[in-house]
Protein backbone atom coordinates (compact mmCIF):
# COMPACT_ATOMS: atom_id res chain seq x y z
CA MET A 1 -27.12 -27.70 -35.94
CA ALA A 2 -27.00 -29.87 -38.41
CA GLY A 3 -27.65 -33.75 -37.86
CA ALA A 4 -24.51 -35.83 -37.95
CA ILE A 5 -21.21 -36.43 -39.86
CA GLY A 6 -18.42 -39.16 -41.02
CA LEU A 7 -14.75 -37.95 -39.64
CA ILE A 8 -12.46 -40.66 -41.36
CA THR A 9 -9.14 -40.22 -39.60
CA ALA A 10 -6.39 -40.94 -41.78
CA ARG A 11 -2.77 -39.91 -40.84
CA GLY A 12 -0.08 -40.43 -43.86
CA GLY A 13 2.77 -42.15 -40.97
CA SER A 14 2.17 -45.67 -39.58
CA LYS A 15 4.88 -47.71 -37.72
CA GLY A 16 2.94 -51.06 -37.82
CA VAL A 17 2.19 -50.93 -41.54
CA PRO A 18 3.74 -48.25 -43.68
CA TYR A 19 1.17 -46.51 -45.64
CA LYS A 20 -1.81 -48.94 -44.18
CA ASN A 21 -4.70 -46.44 -44.99
CA ILE A 22 -4.22 -46.93 -48.71
CA LYS A 23 -2.39 -50.01 -48.74
CA GLU A 24 -4.58 -52.40 -51.10
CA LEU A 25 -7.06 -54.74 -48.87
CA ALA A 26 -8.99 -57.08 -51.01
CA GLY A 27 -8.63 -54.79 -54.55
CA LYS A 28 -9.31 -51.29 -53.03
CA PRO A 29 -6.95 -48.72 -50.83
CA LEU A 30 -8.02 -49.61 -47.16
CA ILE A 31 -9.69 -46.20 -46.60
CA ALA A 32 -11.72 -46.80 -49.32
CA TRP A 33 -13.93 -49.63 -47.01
CA THR A 34 -14.77 -47.16 -44.51
CA ILE A 35 -15.76 -44.78 -46.91
CA GLU A 36 -17.84 -46.54 -48.87
CA ALA A 37 -19.96 -47.68 -45.24
CA ALA A 38 -20.20 -44.06 -44.60
CA LEU A 39 -21.28 -43.04 -47.40
CA ALA A 40 -24.29 -45.80 -47.29
CA SER A 41 -25.17 -44.40 -44.22
CA GLN A 42 -28.35 -43.16 -43.89
CA GLU A 43 -27.50 -40.99 -40.93
CA LEU A 44 -24.72 -39.10 -42.14
CA GLU A 45 -24.93 -36.21 -43.42
CA ARG A 46 -21.44 -35.82 -44.59
CA VAL A 47 -18.37 -37.99 -45.05
CA ILE A 48 -15.45 -36.02 -44.28
CA VAL A 49 -11.46 -37.16 -44.29
CA SER A 50 -9.15 -35.72 -41.70
CA THR A 51 -5.38 -36.42 -43.11
CA ASP A 52 -2.34 -34.88 -43.19
CA ASP A 53 -1.25 -36.66 -47.00
CA LYS A 54 -1.98 -35.20 -49.81
CA GLU A 55 -2.05 -38.67 -51.29
CA ILE A 56 -4.74 -39.87 -48.96
CA ALA A 57 -6.46 -37.09 -49.71
CA SER A 58 -6.62 -37.51 -53.19
CA ILE A 59 -8.00 -41.25 -52.87
CA ALA A 60 -10.24 -40.57 -50.28
CA ARG A 61 -12.00 -37.54 -53.14
CA GLN A 62 -11.41 -40.40 -55.84
CA TYR A 63 -13.95 -42.64 -53.38
CA GLY A 64 -16.39 -40.19 -52.85
CA ALA A 65 -15.27 -38.42 -49.21
CA GLU A 66 -14.37 -34.38 -48.75
CA VAL A 67 -11.42 -33.10 -47.71
CA PRO A 68 -11.77 -29.47 -46.72
CA PHE A 69 -8.52 -29.49 -44.96
CA LEU A 70 -5.18 -31.03 -44.47
CA ARG A 71 -4.55 -31.48 -40.88
CA PRO A 72 -1.55 -29.67 -39.58
CA LEU A 73 1.53 -31.79 -39.08
CA LYS A 74 1.93 -30.83 -35.23
CA LEU A 75 -1.62 -33.72 -35.25
CA ALA A 76 0.04 -36.25 -37.26
CA LEU A 77 2.51 -37.25 -35.39
CA ASP A 78 2.83 -41.08 -33.68
CA ASP A 79 1.71 -39.08 -29.97
CA SER A 80 -1.16 -36.88 -31.61
CA SER A 81 -4.14 -37.05 -29.71
CA HIS A 82 -7.51 -37.89 -31.57
CA VAL A 83 -9.30 -35.60 -29.35
CA ASP A 84 -7.58 -32.93 -30.79
CA VAL A 85 -7.59 -34.10 -34.34
CA VAL A 86 -12.18 -34.55 -33.67
CA LEU A 87 -11.74 -30.80 -32.31
CA HIS A 88 -9.61 -29.36 -34.89
CA ALA A 89 -12.08 -30.45 -37.44
CA ILE A 90 -15.16 -29.26 -35.38
CA GLU A 91 -13.72 -26.18 -35.49
CA PHE A 92 -12.24 -25.79 -39.20
CA LEU A 93 -15.92 -26.14 -40.41
CA GLU A 94 -17.65 -24.10 -37.66
CA GLU A 95 -14.94 -21.01 -38.71
CA GLN A 96 -14.77 -21.95 -42.46
CA GLU A 97 -18.03 -23.34 -43.02
CA GLN A 98 -20.12 -22.21 -40.39
CA PHE A 99 -21.19 -25.97 -40.08
CA LEU A 100 -21.98 -27.33 -36.90
CA ALA A 101 -23.29 -30.87 -36.70
CA ASP A 102 -24.84 -32.16 -33.24
CA TYR A 103 -23.32 -35.47 -33.85
CA VAL A 104 -19.49 -36.59 -34.96
CA VAL A 105 -19.00 -40.25 -36.31
CA MET A 106 -14.85 -40.92 -35.44
CA LEU A 107 -14.51 -43.84 -37.82
CA GLN A 108 -10.86 -45.37 -38.43
CA PRO A 109 -9.68 -47.02 -41.70
CA THR A 110 -8.29 -49.51 -39.93
CA SER A 111 -11.90 -51.30 -39.27
CA PRO A 112 -12.74 -52.22 -42.79
CA PHE A 113 -15.00 -54.69 -41.93
CA ARG A 114 -17.38 -52.48 -40.05
CA ILE A 115 -20.90 -51.25 -42.37
CA ALA A 116 -23.48 -48.79 -42.54
CA GLU A 117 -25.91 -50.39 -40.39
CA ASP A 118 -23.39 -50.22 -37.72
CA ILE A 119 -23.25 -47.01 -37.76
CA ASP A 120 -26.78 -46.46 -38.45
CA GLY A 121 -27.42 -47.93 -35.29
CA SER A 122 -24.93 -46.36 -33.24
CA ILE A 123 -26.19 -42.87 -34.34
CA ARG A 124 -29.96 -44.33 -33.62
CA PHE A 125 -28.65 -45.19 -30.21
CA ALA A 126 -26.82 -41.94 -29.37
CA ARG A 127 -30.10 -40.38 -30.04
CA LYS A 128 -32.32 -42.56 -28.40
CA LYS A 129 -30.46 -42.39 -24.72
CA ASN A 130 -29.28 -38.55 -25.77
CA ALA A 131 -25.72 -39.74 -25.25
CA LYS A 132 -22.31 -37.63 -25.04
CA SER A 133 -20.53 -40.72 -26.22
CA VAL A 134 -21.43 -44.36 -27.71
CA ILE A 135 -18.68 -46.06 -28.61
CA GLY A 136 -18.22 -49.75 -30.60
CA MET A 137 -17.85 -52.73 -28.61
CA MET A 138 -17.40 -56.16 -29.25
CA ASN A 139 -17.35 -59.60 -27.14
CA ALA A 140 -13.92 -59.58 -25.33
CA PRO A 141 -11.55 -61.92 -26.81
CA SER A 142 -10.95 -63.33 -22.99
CA HIS A 143 -12.07 -62.64 -19.50
CA PRO A 144 -9.90 -60.42 -17.28
CA ILE A 145 -9.99 -63.39 -14.76
CA CYS A 146 -7.87 -65.55 -17.56
CA LEU A 147 -5.11 -62.54 -18.07
CA ARG A 148 -1.81 -62.33 -16.07
CA GLY A 149 1.31 -60.20 -16.32
CA MET A 150 4.25 -61.68 -16.55
CA THR A 151 7.66 -60.19 -15.38
CA GLU A 152 11.13 -60.27 -16.91
CA GLU A 153 11.85 -63.37 -15.54
CA GLY A 154 8.70 -65.32 -16.92
CA LEU A 155 6.71 -65.10 -13.47
CA LEU A 156 3.14 -64.73 -13.84
CA VAL A 157 1.15 -61.79 -11.71
CA GLU A 158 -1.71 -61.67 -10.83
CA LEU A 159 -3.82 -58.61 -12.55
CA THR A 160 -7.61 -58.95 -10.90
CA GLU A 161 -8.59 -60.32 -7.79
CA GLN A 162 -7.93 -64.32 -7.10
CA ARG A 163 -11.14 -66.61 -7.20
CA ASP A 164 -11.51 -70.15 -6.93
CA GLU A 165 -10.22 -72.09 -9.61
CA SER A 166 -13.68 -73.17 -10.36
CA GLN A 167 -14.80 -70.08 -11.55
CA LEU A 168 -12.21 -70.30 -15.02
CA ARG A 169 -15.02 -72.27 -17.12
CA ARG A 170 -17.07 -69.73 -19.17
CA GLN A 171 -20.53 -70.77 -18.32
CA LEU A 172 -20.00 -68.88 -14.96
CA LEU A 173 -17.67 -65.92 -15.88
CA GLU A 174 -19.94 -62.66 -16.66
CA ASP A 175 -20.18 -61.26 -19.80
CA VAL A 176 -17.16 -58.41 -20.64
CA TYR A 177 -16.57 -56.23 -23.76
CA ALA A 178 -13.82 -54.50 -25.50
CA PHE A 179 -13.11 -51.46 -27.53
CA ASN A 180 -13.31 -52.74 -31.23
CA GLY A 181 -12.07 -49.32 -32.99
CA ALA A 182 -14.67 -49.25 -35.17
CA LEU A 183 -16.68 -46.46 -34.14
CA TYR A 184 -16.96 -43.51 -31.65
CA VAL A 185 -20.00 -41.30 -32.29
CA LEU A 186 -19.89 -38.07 -30.10
CA GLN A 187 -22.16 -35.43 -28.97
CA THR A 188 -20.65 -32.83 -30.05
CA GLU A 189 -21.16 -29.76 -27.65
CA ALA A 190 -20.43 -31.90 -24.84
CA PHE A 191 -17.04 -33.21 -26.82
CA ARG A 192 -16.06 -29.75 -26.90
CA GLU A 193 -16.66 -29.13 -23.49
CA LEU A 194 -14.81 -32.51 -21.77
CA LYS A 195 -12.48 -33.42 -24.36
CA THR A 196 -12.62 -36.83 -24.30
CA PHE A 197 -14.11 -39.88 -26.13
CA ARG A 198 -15.32 -41.81 -22.63
CA PRO A 199 -16.82 -38.69 -19.96
CA THR A 200 -17.39 -40.72 -16.50
CA GLY A 201 -20.60 -42.10 -15.98
CA GLU A 202 -21.94 -41.17 -19.91
CA THR A 203 -20.12 -43.42 -22.06
CA TYR A 204 -22.61 -46.07 -23.88
CA GLY A 205 -21.45 -49.08 -25.47
CA TYR A 206 -22.61 -50.37 -29.25
CA LEU A 207 -22.23 -54.09 -29.52
CA MET A 208 -20.88 -55.24 -32.67
CA PRO A 209 -20.73 -58.50 -34.19
CA THR A 210 -17.07 -60.08 -33.97
CA GLU A 211 -16.43 -60.28 -37.80
CA ARG A 212 -17.15 -56.78 -38.06
CA SER A 213 -15.06 -55.62 -35.55
CA TRP A 214 -11.67 -57.07 -36.47
CA GLU A 215 -8.84 -53.90 -36.28
CA ILE A 216 -5.66 -53.73 -38.46
CA ASP A 217 -2.38 -52.33 -37.07
CA THR A 218 -0.06 -54.75 -37.75
CA GLU A 219 1.29 -56.60 -40.78
CA TRP A 220 -0.01 -59.97 -39.79
CA GLU A 221 -3.68 -58.57 -39.04
CA PHE A 222 -3.97 -56.99 -42.61
CA LEU A 223 -2.87 -60.23 -43.91
CA VAL A 224 -5.38 -61.93 -42.30
CA ALA A 225 -8.00 -58.98 -43.03
CA ASN A 226 -7.25 -59.64 -46.72
CA LEU A 227 -8.23 -63.08 -47.12
CA LEU A 228 -11.14 -62.51 -44.73
CA MET A 229 -12.34 -59.91 -47.13
CA LYS A 230 -11.39 -61.35 -50.28
CA ASN A 231 -13.45 -64.46 -48.61
CA GLN A 232 -16.50 -62.50 -47.76
CA LEU A 233 -16.48 -61.14 -51.24
CA GLN A 234 -15.80 -64.87 -53.09
CA ALA A 235 -18.91 -65.91 -50.74
CA ALA A 236 -21.78 -62.76 -51.85
CA SER A 237 -20.38 -63.33 -55.55
CA ARG A 238 -21.36 -66.85 -55.25
CA SER A 239 -24.71 -65.58 -53.26
CA LYS A 240 -25.80 -63.41 -56.17
CA ALA A 241 -25.01 -66.13 -59.09
CA ALA A 242 -27.50 -68.94 -56.84
């Protein structure tokens, strides 16, 4: 059994941002940022893109990723399961290439600020813990005690057990974390058996900085990410010049 592979999932359809996976972000197709981070990883043996789209496949190859198959259409619909997408890739590589990795790291193009060190750190953490699953996390932007539901009439609905108002002070609240969508490190055999990204009681979190946890799902988020990435590149350029 081989080491770890990076599996970048990039279907052609997208309702939030049309063709977002190859939409230009700071001078490159969105997917290129994830491909380059994965290729710079010291822990990934292969970087593979799973897509149903020939144009995405072509661009992915241009940036150095492998595209050994085109994903079946049934796995590229709005309601298609990411679990089935990962299982399809595992089974294809095993059946067609007799290749089986001990870990599959699912990387979504919608997290362009994730870097190679995040990927490597999460894989090493998974190995250290012999984890069945490690998921990228960030500090939650808001504590659950501050969240409410709201009826159609605008009436607020409590979501958590009510506490004294004094407990709303941030310094008295326990730390909470949110999934950032940037990476999922999956132990292959356990994943094939359990068919879930989050096996109960056996899922670890890998904390990433907020600035590397930005996830793009809407046009507004794409616009902000584009500005942030350009600013980051300009800062890096100034630093090198100095």
